[in-house]
Amino acid sequence: LRRLELPSHRREQMQQAEITAAQDILEEGGRYFPDAELIRKEGRPEREIVNTAIEWAADLVVICPRSAQSAGPPLGPKSVGHVARFVLDHAPCPVLLVRPIAREVFPIPR
């Protein structure tokens, strides 16, 4: 695989879109967690999350897991992607997985 080099203006647009999305999430979450902060780090997400939890002596990590297949499955062993799996296995504190409501799979067939 070759690393794709984006034109600098496109890279800046993407970075600004990331920041805007993060600020929107922080604004929404701030209603429930008023002390929440926005930080931006570069690197492997799973390692950055765990290292930040260690640096902050976090009491809890909240993460929305993606499945190995982007669209799902919503339940089962493949319902958690590699980032969430790594955080679950390496975080120095409890990890809360937050998922969207999966109405189409409930009730679970017997």
N, C-alpha and C. Protein backbone atom coordinates (compact mmCIF):
# COMPACT_ATOMS: atom_id res chain seq x y z
N LEU A 1 0.83 -1.18 0.00
CA LEU A 1 0.00 0.00 0.00
C LEU A 1 0.87 1.24 0.00
N ARG A 2 0.43 2.22 -0.74
CA ARG A 2 1.11 3.51 -0.75
C ARG A 2 0.29 4.52 0.02
N ARG A 3 0.96 5.38 0.73
CA ARG A 3 0.27 6.43 1.45
C ARG A 3 -0.17 7.50 0.44
N LEU A 4 -1.42 7.87 0.53
CA LEU A 4 -1.98 8.88 -0.36
C LEU A 4 -1.64 10.26 0.18
N GLU A 5 -1.00 11.06 -0.62
CA GLU A 5 -0.68 12.43 -0.23
C GLU A 5 -1.75 13.35 -0.78
N LEU A 6 -2.48 13.97 0.11
CA LEU A 6 -3.53 14.90 -0.30
C LEU A 6 -2.94 16.28 -0.51
N PRO A 7 -3.53 17.06 -1.41
CA PRO A 7 -3.12 18.46 -1.54
C PRO A 7 -3.36 19.16 -0.20
N SER A 8 -2.52 20.12 0.12
CA SER A 8 -2.59 20.77 1.43
C SER A 8 -3.95 21.41 1.69
N HIS A 9 -4.57 22.00 0.66
CA HIS A 9 -5.88 22.63 0.89
C HIS A 9 -6.94 21.58 1.24
N ARG A 10 -6.84 20.40 0.64
CA ARG A 10 -7.80 19.32 0.93
C ARG A 10 -7.57 18.79 2.35
N ARG A 11 -6.32 18.64 2.73
CA ARG A 11 -5.98 18.18 4.08
C ARG A 11 -6.51 19.16 5.12
N GLU A 12 -6.37 20.46 4.85
CA GLU A 12 -6.87 21.48 5.77
C GLU A 12 -8.40 21.43 5.87
N GLN A 13 -9.07 21.19 4.73
CA GLN A 13 -10.53 21.07 4.75
C GLN A 13 -10.96 19.88 5.61
N MET A 14 -10.27 18.77 5.46
CA MET A 14 -10.61 17.58 6.23
C MET A 14 -10.36 17.81 7.72
N GLN A 15 -9.25 18.45 8.06
CA GLN A 15 -8.96 18.73 9.46
C GLN A 15 -10.01 19.66 10.06
N GLN A 16 -10.43 20.66 9.30
CA GLN A 16 -11.46 21.57 9.80
C GLN A 16 -12.78 20.84 9.98
N ALA A 17 -13.11 19.94 9.06
CA ALA A 17 -14.34 19.15 9.20
C ALA A 17 -14.29 18.28 10.44
N GLU A 18 -13.12 17.69 10.73
CA GLU A 18 -12.95 16.88 11.95
C GLU A 18 -13.18 17.74 13.19
N ILE A 19 -12.59 18.92 13.21
CA ILE A 19 -12.71 19.81 14.36
C ILE A 19 -14.16 20.24 14.55
N THR A 20 -14.83 20.58 13.46
CA THR A 20 -16.23 21.00 13.53
C THR A 20 -17.10 19.87 14.07
N ALA A 21 -16.89 18.65 13.57
CA ALA A 21 -17.67 17.50 14.05
C ALA A 21 -17.40 17.25 15.53
N ALA A 22 -16.14 17.33 15.94
CA ALA A 22 -15.80 17.13 17.35
C ALA A 22 -16.43 18.20 18.23
N GLN A 23 -16.44 19.43 17.77
CA GLN A 23 -17.07 20.51 18.55
C GLN A 23 -18.57 20.30 18.68
N ASP A 24 -19.21 19.82 17.61
CA ASP A 24 -20.64 19.52 17.67
C ASP A 24 -20.92 18.42 18.70
N ILE A 25 -20.09 17.39 18.70
CA ILE A 25 -20.25 16.30 19.66
C ILE A 25 -20.03 16.81 21.08
N LEU A 26 -19.01 17.63 21.26
CA LEU A 26 -18.72 18.19 22.58
C LEU A 26 -19.88 19.06 23.06
N GLU A 27 -20.44 19.84 22.17
CA GLU A 27 -21.57 20.70 22.55
C GLU A 27 -22.75 19.86 23.02
N GLU A 28 -23.06 18.81 22.27
CA GLU A 28 -24.16 17.92 22.65
C GLU A 28 -23.85 17.21 23.97
N GLY A 29 -22.66 16.63 24.07
CA GLY A 29 -22.27 15.90 25.27
C GLY A 29 -22.12 16.80 26.48
N GLY A 30 -21.77 18.07 26.24
CA GLY A 30 -21.57 19.01 27.33
C GLY A 30 -22.82 19.25 28.15
N ARG A 31 -23.97 18.98 27.55
CA ARG A 31 -25.21 19.11 28.31
C ARG A 31 -25.29 18.06 29.41
N TYR A 32 -24.67 16.91 29.18
CA TYR A 32 -24.70 15.82 30.15
C TYR A 32 -23.41 15.74 30.97
N PHE A 33 -22.32 16.17 30.35
CA PHE A 33 -21.00 16.14 31.00
C PHE A 33 -20.39 17.52 30.89
N PRO A 34 -20.75 18.44 31.80
CA PRO A 34 -20.32 19.84 31.67
C PRO A 34 -18.81 20.04 31.73
N ASP A 35 -18.07 19.10 32.30
CA ASP A 35 -16.62 19.25 32.39
C ASP A 35 -15.89 18.61 31.21
N ALA A 36 -16.63 18.13 30.21
CA ALA A 36 -16.01 17.49 29.05
C ALA A 36 -15.11 18.48 28.32
N GLU A 37 -14.03 17.95 27.77
CA GLU A 37 -13.06 18.77 27.03
C GLU A 37 -12.85 18.18 25.65
N LEU A 38 -12.45 19.04 24.73
CA LEU A 38 -12.11 18.61 23.38
C LEU A 38 -10.60 18.63 23.24
N ILE A 39 -10.04 17.50 22.89
CA ILE A 39 -8.61 17.44 22.58
C ILE A 39 -8.48 16.81 21.20
N ARG A 40 -7.40 17.12 20.54
CA ARG A 40 -7.16 16.55 19.21
C ARG A 40 -5.77 15.97 19.20
N LYS A 41 -5.67 14.70 18.85
CA LYS A 41 -4.38 14.03 18.79
C LYS A 41 -4.28 13.31 17.47
N GLU A 42 -3.06 13.09 17.05
CA GLU A 42 -2.82 12.32 15.83
C GLU A 42 -2.09 11.05 16.20
N GLY A 43 -2.39 10.00 15.46
CA GLY A 43 -1.75 8.72 15.71
C GLY A 43 -2.78 7.62 15.56
N ARG A 44 -2.45 6.48 16.12
CA ARG A 44 -3.38 5.35 16.08
C ARG A 44 -4.45 5.57 17.13
N PRO A 45 -5.72 5.67 16.72
CA PRO A 45 -6.79 6.05 17.66
C PRO A 45 -6.83 5.19 18.92
N GLU A 46 -6.69 3.88 18.75
CA GLU A 46 -6.79 3.00 19.91
C GLU A 46 -5.71 3.30 20.94
N ARG A 47 -4.50 3.57 20.48
CA ARG A 47 -3.40 3.87 21.40
C ARG A 47 -3.54 5.27 22.00
N GLU A 48 -4.00 6.22 21.20
CA GLU A 48 -4.19 7.59 21.70
C GLU A 48 -5.27 7.63 22.78
N ILE A 49 -6.34 6.87 22.59
CA ILE A 49 -7.41 6.84 23.59
C ILE A 49 -6.89 6.25 24.90
N VAL A 50 -6.20 5.11 24.82
CA VAL A 50 -5.68 4.47 26.03
C VAL A 50 -4.63 5.35 26.70
N ASN A 51 -3.71 5.90 25.93
CA ASN A 51 -2.68 6.76 26.52
C ASN A 51 -3.27 8.00 27.18
N THR A 52 -4.29 8.58 26.57
CA THR A 52 -4.94 9.74 27.16
C THR A 52 -5.65 9.36 28.46
N ALA A 53 -6.29 8.20 28.47
CA ALA A 53 -6.94 7.73 29.70
C ALA A 53 -5.91 7.56 30.82
N ILE A 54 -4.73 7.08 30.46
CA ILE A 54 -3.65 6.92 31.45
C ILE A 54 -3.17 8.29 31.92
N GLU A 55 -2.90 9.20 30.98
CA GLU A 55 -2.41 10.54 31.33
C GLU A 55 -3.38 11.28 32.24
N TRP A 56 -4.66 11.16 31.97
CA TRP A 56 -5.68 11.88 32.74
C TRP A 56 -6.09 11.14 34.01
N ALA A 57 -5.61 9.92 34.20
CA ALA A 57 -6.08 9.07 35.29
C ALA A 57 -7.62 9.00 35.23
N ALA A 58 -8.12 8.68 34.04
CA ALA A 58 -9.56 8.69 33.78
C ALA A 58 -10.29 7.68 34.65
N ASP A 59 -11.50 8.05 35.03
CA ASP A 59 -12.37 7.15 35.78
C ASP A 59 -13.18 6.26 34.85
N LEU A 60 -13.38 6.74 33.61
CA LEU A 60 -14.23 6.03 32.66
C LEU A 60 -13.89 6.48 31.25
N VAL A 61 -13.89 5.54 30.31
CA VAL A 61 -13.77 5.86 28.88
C VAL A 61 -15.11 5.50 28.25
N VAL A 62 -15.68 6.42 27.50
CA VAL A 62 -16.94 6.18 26.79
C VAL A 62 -16.61 6.14 25.30
N ILE A 63 -17.01 5.07 24.64
CA ILE A 63 -16.67 4.91 23.23
C ILE A 63 -17.85 4.30 22.48
N CYS A 64 -18.05 4.72 21.26
CA CYS A 64 -19.09 4.16 20.39
C CYS A 64 -18.39 3.22 19.42
N PRO A 65 -18.53 1.92 19.62
CA PRO A 65 -17.78 0.97 18.79
C PRO A 65 -18.37 0.80 17.40
N ARG A 66 -17.48 0.63 16.44
CA ARG A 66 -17.88 0.27 15.09
C ARG A 66 -17.55 -1.20 14.91
N SER A 67 -18.38 -1.89 14.18
CA SER A 67 -18.10 -3.30 13.93
C SER A 67 -16.99 -3.42 12.90
N ALA A 68 -16.45 -4.63 12.80
CA ALA A 68 -15.39 -4.89 11.82
C ALA A 68 -15.89 -4.59 10.41
N GLN A 69 -17.16 -4.89 10.15
CA GLN A 69 -17.77 -4.48 8.90
C GLN A 69 -18.48 -3.17 9.21
N SER A 70 -18.22 -2.16 8.44
CA SER A 70 -18.71 -0.82 8.75
C SER A 70 -20.21 -0.77 9.02
N ALA A 71 -20.99 -1.55 8.31
CA ALA A 71 -22.44 -1.49 8.45
C ALA A 71 -22.97 -2.31 9.62
N GLY A 72 -22.24 -3.21 10.14
CA GLY A 72 -22.75 -4.06 11.21
C GLY A 72 -22.02 -5.36 11.15
N PRO A 73 -22.25 -6.32 11.89
CA PRO A 73 -23.44 -6.73 12.59
C PRO A 73 -23.62 -5.97 13.90
N PRO A 74 -24.88 -5.75 14.29
CA PRO A 74 -25.13 -5.00 15.51
C PRO A 74 -24.90 -5.80 16.78
N LEU A 75 -24.89 -7.12 16.68
CA LEU A 75 -24.69 -7.97 17.86
C LEU A 75 -23.67 -9.06 17.55
N GLY A 76 -23.12 -9.65 18.59
CA GLY A 76 -22.22 -10.77 18.42
C GLY A 76 -20.77 -10.38 18.51
N PRO A 77 -19.88 -11.38 18.37
CA PRO A 77 -18.45 -11.15 18.59
C PRO A 77 -17.81 -10.19 17.59
N LYS A 78 -18.39 -10.03 16.43
CA LYS A 78 -17.81 -9.12 15.43
C LYS A 78 -18.47 -7.74 15.47
N SER A 79 -19.26 -7.47 16.51
CA SER A 79 -19.99 -6.20 16.59
C SER A 79 -19.13 -5.07 17.14
N VAL A 80 -17.91 -5.39 17.55
CA VAL A 80 -16.99 -4.38 18.08
C VAL A 80 -15.76 -4.34 17.18
N GLY A 81 -15.43 -3.16 16.68
CA GLY A 81 -14.27 -3.01 15.81
C GLY A 81 -12.96 -3.06 16.58
N HIS A 82 -11.84 -2.97 15.85
CA HIS A 82 -10.54 -3.16 16.48
C HIS A 82 -10.18 -2.05 17.45
N VAL A 83 -10.63 -0.81 17.20
CA VAL A 83 -10.31 0.29 18.11
C VAL A 83 -10.98 0.06 19.46
N ALA A 84 -12.28 -0.20 19.44
CA ALA A 84 -13.00 -0.45 20.69
C ALA A 84 -12.46 -1.69 21.39
N ARG A 85 -12.13 -2.73 20.63
CA ARG A 85 -11.60 -3.96 21.23
C ARG A 85 -10.28 -3.67 21.95
N PHE A 86 -9.40 -2.90 21.31
CA PHE A 86 -8.11 -2.55 21.92
C PHE A 86 -8.34 -1.75 23.20
N VAL A 87 -9.24 -0.77 23.13
CA VAL A 87 -9.52 0.07 24.31
C VAL A 87 -10.09 -0.80 25.43
N LEU A 88 -11.02 -1.69 25.11
CA LEU A 88 -11.57 -2.59 26.13
C LEU A 88 -10.47 -3.42 26.79
N ASP A 89 -9.52 -3.88 26.00
CA ASP A 89 -8.47 -4.76 26.52
C ASP A 89 -7.36 -4.03 27.24
N HIS A 90 -7.14 -2.73 26.96
CA HIS A 90 -5.96 -2.04 27.48
C HIS A 90 -6.24 -0.82 28.34
N ALA A 91 -7.47 -0.35 28.40
CA ALA A 91 -7.76 0.86 29.18
C ALA A 91 -7.49 0.62 30.66
N PRO A 92 -7.02 1.65 31.36
CA PRO A 92 -6.71 1.53 32.78
C PRO A 92 -7.93 1.71 33.67
N CYS A 93 -9.11 1.80 33.06
CA CYS A 93 -10.34 2.08 33.80
C CYS A 93 -11.50 1.39 33.09
N PRO A 94 -12.69 1.43 33.67
CA PRO A 94 -13.84 0.85 32.98
C PRO A 94 -14.11 1.55 31.65
N VAL A 95 -14.66 0.79 30.71
CA VAL A 95 -15.01 1.31 29.39
C VAL A 95 -16.50 1.09 29.17
N LEU A 96 -17.19 2.16 28.81
CA LEU A 96 -18.62 2.09 28.52
C LEU A 96 -18.81 2.14 27.01
N LEU A 97 -19.41 1.08 26.46
CA LEU A 97 -19.72 1.05 25.03
C LEU A 97 -21.11 1.64 24.83
N VAL A 98 -21.21 2.65 23.99
CA VAL A 98 -22.48 3.31 23.72
C VAL A 98 -22.84 3.00 22.28
N ARG A 99 -24.01 2.43 22.08
CA ARG A 99 -24.45 2.06 20.73
C ARG A 99 -25.77 2.74 20.41
N PRO A 100 -26.01 2.94 19.12
CA PRO A 100 -27.35 3.41 18.74
C PRO A 100 -28.36 2.29 19.01
N ILE A 101 -29.59 2.65 19.18
CA ILE A 101 -30.63 1.66 19.42
C ILE A 101 -30.81 0.82 18.16
N ALA A 102 -30.77 -0.50 18.32
CA ALA A 102 -30.88 -1.42 17.19
C ALA A 102 -32.26 -2.07 17.23
N ARG A 103 -33.27 -1.33 16.90
CA ARG A 103 -34.65 -1.84 17.00
C ARG A 103 -34.89 -3.04 16.09
N GLU A 104 -34.20 -3.09 14.97
CA GLU A 104 -34.47 -4.15 14.01
C GLU A 104 -34.01 -5.52 14.49
N VAL A 105 -33.20 -5.60 15.53
CA VAL A 105 -32.72 -6.91 15.97
C VAL A 105 -33.37 -7.35 17.28
N PHE A 106 -34.29 -6.55 17.81
CA PHE A 106 -34.93 -6.94 19.05
C PHE A 106 -36.40 -7.21 18.81
N PRO A 107 -37.02 -8.16 19.43
CA PRO A 107 -36.38 -9.07 20.37
C PRO A 107 -35.47 -10.05 19.65
N ILE A 108 -34.53 -10.59 20.40
CA ILE A 108 -33.58 -11.55 19.83
C ILE A 108 -34.31 -12.87 19.60
N PRO A 109 -34.22 -13.42 18.37
CA PRO A 109 -34.90 -14.69 18.08
C PRO A 109 -34.36 -15.80 18.98
N ARG A 110 -35.25 -16.72 19.34
CA ARG A 110 -34.85 -17.85 20.20
C ARG A 110 -34.40 -19.01 19.39
